[in-house]
Protein backbone atom coordinates (compact mmCIF):
# COMPACT_ATOMS: atom_id res chain seq x y z
CA MET A 1 -0.02 0.04 0.01
CA TRP A 2 1.17 3.52 -0.75
CA PRO A 3 0.92 4.85 2.83
CA ARG A 4 3.26 2.17 4.07
CA TRP A 5 5.63 2.87 1.23
CA ILE A 6 5.65 6.62 2.04
CA TYR A 7 6.01 5.94 5.74
CA SER A 8 9.01 3.73 5.03
CA LEU A 9 10.47 6.34 2.78
CA LEU A 10 10.06 9.08 5.37
CA LEU A 11 11.83 6.96 7.99
CA ARG A 12 14.98 7.60 5.98
CA LEU A 13 14.88 11.09 7.34
CA TYR A 14 16.20 9.70 10.69
CA PRO A 15 19.88 9.27 11.37
CA ALA A 16 21.21 5.96 10.15
CA GLU A 17 21.85 4.62 13.68
CA PHE A 18 18.28 5.38 14.65
CA GLN A 19 17.03 3.55 11.60
CA VAL A 20 19.02 0.48 12.36
CA GLN A 21 17.73 0.40 15.92
CA PHE A 22 14.08 1.42 15.42
CA ARG A 23 12.98 1.10 11.72
CA GLU A 24 11.45 -2.38 11.80
CA GLU A 25 9.63 -1.67 15.10
CA MET A 26 8.21 1.59 13.79
CA LEU A 27 7.08 -0.14 10.57
CA ALA A 28 5.36 -2.85 12.60
CA VAL A 29 3.58 -0.41 14.85
CA PHE A 30 2.44 1.66 11.95
CA GLY A 31 1.13 -1.52 10.19
CA GLU A 32 -0.84 -2.43 13.37
CA ALA A 33 -2.29 1.02 13.75
CA GLU A 34 -3.09 1.19 10.06
CA SER A 35 -4.92 -2.23 10.10
CA ARG A 36 -7.09 -1.06 13.05
CA ARG A 37 -8.36 1.72 10.88
CA ARG A 38 -9.35 -0.25 7.78
CA GLY A 39 -13.07 -0.03 8.64
CA CYS A 40 -12.95 3.73 9.22
CA SER A 41 -14.08 6.35 6.87
CA LEU A 42 -11.74 7.68 4.29
CA GLY A 43 -11.43 11.10 5.99
CA SER A 44 -10.52 9.34 9.25
CA ARG A 45 -7.81 7.33 7.55
CA MET A 46 -6.46 10.36 5.74
CA LEU A 47 -6.15 12.20 9.04
CA PHE A 48 -4.31 9.26 10.54
CA TYR A 49 -1.92 9.04 7.62
CA ALA A 50 -1.35 12.81 7.68
CA GLY A 51 -0.63 12.70 11.47
CA GLU A 52 1.73 9.81 11.09
CA MET A 53 3.65 11.36 8.26
CA LEU A 54 4.03 14.58 10.05
CA GLY A 55 5.06 12.75 13.11
CA ILE A 56 7.86 11.17 11.22
CA VAL A 57 9.18 14.49 9.95
CA ALA A 58 8.88 16.07 13.44
CA GLY A 59 10.45 13.12 15.13
CA ALA A 60 13.39 13.10 12.72
CA ALA A 61 13.99 16.87 13.31
CA CYS A 62 13.81 16.26 17.06
CA GLU A 63 16.33 13.39 16.86
CA TYR A 64 18.84 15.48 14.97
CA ALA A 65 18.32 18.42 17.43
CA ALA A 66 18.92 16.02 20.32
CA ARG A 67 22.00 14.72 18.71
CA ARG A 68 23.44 18.22 18.09
CA ALA A 69 22.61 19.22 21.67
CA SER A 70 24.45 16.13 23.08
CA LYS A 71 27.41 16.96 20.92
CA ASN A 72 27.40 20.48 22.39
CA ALA A 73 26.98 19.17 25.86
CA PRO A 74 29.17 20.59 28.55
CA GLU A 75 32.28 18.90 29.49
CA GLU A 76 32.24 16.41 32.28
CA LEU A 77 33.37 17.69 35.62
CA PRO A 78 35.53 15.58 37.94
CA PHE A 79 33.43 14.23 40.73
CA PRO A 80 34.09 16.22 43.98
CA THR A 81 35.93 14.73 47.00
CA ASP A 82 35.45 17.60 49.52
CA LEU A 83 32.52 19.51 50.89
CA HIS A 84 33.15 22.82 49.23
CA SER A 85 33.70 21.43 45.76
CA ALA A 86 30.66 19.08 46.17
CA GLU A 87 28.43 22.13 46.92
CA ARG A 88 29.75 23.91 43.78
CA TYR A 89 29.23 20.62 41.84
CA ILE A 90 25.61 20.47 42.92
CA ALA A 91 24.98 24.00 41.73
CA VAL A 92 26.47 23.27 38.41
CA MET A 93 24.61 20.02 37.92
CA SER A 94 21.28 21.65 38.94
CA GLN A 95 21.85 24.32 36.23
CA ARG A 96 22.70 21.64 33.71
CA VAL A 97 19.49 19.65 34.49
CA VAL A 98 17.41 22.85 33.88
CA GLN A 99 19.29 23.60 30.64
CA ALA A 100 18.95 20.06 29.42
CA ILE A 101 15.17 20.06 30.09
CA ALA A 102 14.88 23.37 28.32
CA ASN A 103 16.61 21.83 25.26
CA HIS A 104 14.53 18.73 25.35
CA ASP A 105 17.60 16.70 26.13
CA PHE A 106 15.97 14.40 28.64
CA ALA A 107 18.74 11.82 28.58
CA GLY A 108 21.20 14.51 29.56
CA ALA A 109 18.83 15.83 32.26
CA ARG A 110 18.65 12.30 33.79
CA ARG A 111 22.41 12.01 33.56
CA TYR A 112 22.94 15.38 35.34
CA ASP A 113 20.22 14.65 37.92
CA LEU A 114 21.98 11.38 38.81
CA GLN A 115 25.29 13.23 39.27
CA ASP A 116 23.49 15.82 41.36
CA ARG A 117 22.02 13.13 43.63
CA LYS A 118 25.39 11.52 44.08
CA ALA A 119 26.90 14.76 44.98
CA ARG A 120 24.12 15.58 47.50
CA ALA A 121 24.69 12.16 49.05
CA LEU A 122 28.38 13.02 49.44
CA VAL A 123 27.57 16.32 51.08
CA ALA A 124 25.28 14.54 53.51
CA LEU A 125 27.99 12.01 54.22
CA LEU A 126 30.72 14.77 54.68
CA ARG A 127 28.45 16.81 56.94
CA GLY A 128 27.22 13.84 58.94
């Protein structure tokens, strides 16, 4: 069917590594969703196809933006060993969490949040 062919063609907009990892799964999910709409009206199916095609284009753009943001990610700071540097480290990691979320870099936000929690545990240990 032509919608599946177009969907498959649009998947090429994604980076090659993404395609290798997710292409077959995305095609399978699209096929399942498409089959559930076979009894629907033509207008309903056309809206579904339009939404899916636009979703592919938007998803590919987001994937490239996330990759660019991760390449421009701040350098890794050495993990602190004393109270003063741990407190500074927490401030930096908190800022990075906020910046990552603002840039829709949720993987980065989780990474910075984990580092923030580790540093807070160190501060509690050093103060205790």
